[in-house]
Each structure stands twice: as structure tokens, then as C-alpha cells.
Protein backbone atom coordinates (compact mmCIF):
# COMPACT_ATOMS: atom_id res chain seq x y z
CA MET A 1 0.02 -0.04 0.18
CA LYS A 2 1.29 3.74 -0.82
CA ILE A 3 0.59 6.20 1.74
CA CYS A 4 0.92 9.91 0.78
CA PHE A 5 1.75 12.59 3.71
CA PRO A 6 2.10 16.20 3.16
CA VAL A 7 5.24 17.83 4.82
CA GLU A 8 6.40 20.97 4.70
CA GLN A 9 10.34 19.80 4.42
CA ASP A 10 11.37 16.48 3.28
CA LYS A 11 13.30 15.00 6.28
CA GLY A 12 12.15 11.37 4.83
CA LEU A 13 10.66 9.61 7.60
CA ASP A 14 11.55 11.64 10.30
CA SER A 15 9.39 14.70 8.06
CA GLN A 16 6.62 16.30 10.18
CA VAL A 17 3.38 15.60 8.68
CA PHE A 18 1.97 19.32 7.41
CA GLY A 19 -1.39 20.68 8.71
CA HIS A 20 -2.89 21.25 5.59
CA PHE A 21 -3.06 19.07 2.00
CA GLY A 22 -3.38 21.75 -0.63
CA SER A 23 -1.07 24.18 0.97
CA ALA A 24 2.04 21.57 1.79
CA PRO A 25 5.28 22.27 -0.24
CA ALA A 26 5.95 18.82 -0.78
CA PHE A 27 4.49 14.97 -0.21
CA VAL A 28 6.24 11.92 1.12
CA ILE A 29 5.07 8.67 -0.50
CA PHE A 30 5.80 5.58 1.58
CA ASP A 31 5.08 2.14 0.02
CA THR A 32 4.44 -0.40 3.12
CA GLN A 33 5.47 -3.39 1.01
CA THR A 34 8.49 -2.38 -0.39
CA LYS A 35 9.72 0.30 2.28
CA VAL A 36 10.69 2.53 -0.71
CA LEU A 37 10.29 6.51 0.19
CA GLU A 38 9.37 9.01 -2.72
CA THR A 39 9.28 12.68 -2.21
CA VAL A 40 7.17 14.90 -4.96
CA ASP A 41 7.06 18.50 -4.88
CA ASN A 42 3.31 19.96 -4.74
CA GLN A 43 2.47 20.62 -8.36
CA ASP A 44 -0.68 22.62 -7.59
CA LEU A 45 0.38 24.75 -4.76
CA GLY A 46 -0.32 27.73 -6.43
CA HIS A 47 -4.24 26.98 -6.58
CA ASP A 48 -7.07 29.49 -5.69
CA HIS A 49 -8.68 28.45 -2.38
CA GLY A 50 -10.99 25.66 -2.72
CA MET A 51 -9.70 24.70 -6.20
CA CYS A 52 -7.20 21.92 -5.36
CA ASN A 53 -6.55 19.35 -7.50
CA PRO A 54 -4.84 16.58 -5.36
CA LEU A 55 -4.15 14.19 -8.14
CA LYS A 56 -1.83 17.00 -9.66
CA ALA A 57 -0.67 18.13 -6.61
CA ILE A 58 0.97 14.65 -6.02
CA ASP A 59 2.13 14.61 -9.52
CA GLY A 60 -0.19 12.24 -10.70
CA LYS A 61 1.49 9.36 -8.33
CA THR A 62 -0.63 6.37 -7.69
CA VAL A 63 -1.37 6.04 -4.09
CA ASP A 64 -3.74 4.21 -1.64
CA ALA A 65 -4.45 6.51 0.91
CA ILE A 66 -3.69 10.05 2.22
CA VAL A 67 -2.78 10.88 5.71
CA VAL A 68 -3.21 14.61 6.53
CA GLY A 69 -3.96 17.17 9.22
CA GLY A 70 -6.50 18.86 7.24
CA ILE A 71 -7.88 18.92 3.60
CA GLY A 72 -10.97 20.57 1.95
CA ALA A 73 -14.22 18.57 1.36
CA GLY A 74 -13.70 18.86 -2.54
CA ALA A 75 -10.37 17.44 -2.20
CA ILE A 76 -11.77 14.68 -0.31
CA SER A 77 -14.42 14.06 -2.81
CA LYS A 78 -11.85 13.79 -5.59
CA LEU A 79 -9.59 11.42 -3.76
CA ASN A 80 -12.50 9.46 -2.81
CA ILE A 81 -13.73 9.05 -6.31
CA ARG A 82 -10.45 7.83 -7.32
CA GLY A 83 -10.79 5.08 -4.61
CA ILE A 84 -8.06 7.01 -2.50
CA LYS A 85 -9.03 7.09 1.34
CA VAL A 86 -8.03 9.87 3.44
CA TYR A 87 -7.11 9.93 7.03
CA ARG A 88 -6.61 12.29 9.95
CA ALA A 89 -2.85 12.49 10.90
CA GLN A 90 -1.53 12.71 14.48
CA GLN A 91 1.00 15.24 15.26
CA GLY A 92 4.42 14.15 14.69
CA THR A 93 6.66 12.41 11.99
CA VAL A 94 5.66 10.46 8.85
CA GLN A 95 7.28 7.44 10.65
CA SER A 96 4.90 7.84 14.01
CA ASN A 97 1.80 8.12 11.48
CA ILE A 98 2.95 5.24 9.30
CA ASP A 99 2.90 3.28 12.61
CA LEU A 100 -0.27 4.38 13.78
CA PHE A 101 -1.54 3.57 10.04
CA VAL A 102 -0.78 -0.03 9.86
CA ASN A 103 -1.87 -0.37 13.28
CA ASP A 104 -5.56 1.01 12.60
CA LYS A 105 -5.29 3.93 15.01
CA GLN A 106 -6.42 6.77 12.55
CA LYS A 107 -9.62 7.83 11.76
CA GLU A 108 -10.90 8.13 7.97
CA LEU A 109 -11.87 11.44 6.90
CA ARG A 110 -15.25 11.95 5.03
CA VAL A 111 -16.42 15.16 2.92
CA GLU A 112 -18.06 16.52 5.98
CA HIS A 113 -14.71 16.52 7.92
CA GLY A 114 -13.22 18.64 5.45
CA CYS A 115 -11.57 21.89 5.90
CA GLY A 116 -14.39 24.97 5.53
CA GLY A 117 -11.54 27.94 5.15
CA HIS A 118 -8.87 28.78 7.16
CA ALA A 119 -10.52 31.89 9.10
CA GLY A 120 -11.68 29.94 11.98
CA GLY A 121 -13.53 27.14 9.87
CA CYS A 122 -10.94 24.45 9.91
CA GLY A 123 -11.72 21.32 12.11
CA HIS A 124 -8.04 20.48 12.05
């Protein structure tokens, strides 16, 4: 399974998970089977608020899940349509969130959990 994490700085498994998907400078993608780690710069960083294209952001990479602190409802919907589940990250590193994920300790986010804006409307 390939899991994608938004990060502010690429420090591999020690990267801190970023608080919001669309404004993350980069993404770390971890393959739980091969243990291969890949970093992708956010290809949709300059999008207008509410217009995130999550597949463009991750440069069209194939992933099975996104683990994030916050994400808009539209992005969740677009990912879910493609069969990609979205989960709530815990504060900490990519590695600590991988451990939580493989032990089924993270809550799946649905459209109703999406951010409503950053002027006090986000639930993360």
C-alpha cells in the first residue's frame, strides 16, 4: 500500500506531517510493502482556495491513502472518487503516522470532515 503524507520539509521518515494538504510544499509517499520512500513537490501549490486538484498536487502518482492534518471537502471527494481514502494525521513524523496507520489507529476523513476555510472554519 502506498501512503501519501503532506510535509513542509523533506526529512524522509522524520518529516513532520503538514497541517493542510493543499498548501503543503511537498509530499512523502511511503510504500508499506517495499519500504520505498519517494518525495514529490506539490505541483498544485498556487491553486485558488477551494480549487485544489489533489491528483495534480501529487504529480499523478498512484497512492492508496492520504494521511493529513486537514484537507478541503472538495479534495476529499476527488480523492474518494479515485478510490483513495483520506485519514486524519496525528501530530508528529511520517514514521509515527505510518505506525498508527498500519495499526489501524487513524480515523478516516469523509467529506463532512473537510476544512471550510482557514478563518476559523477548519476542524483540524
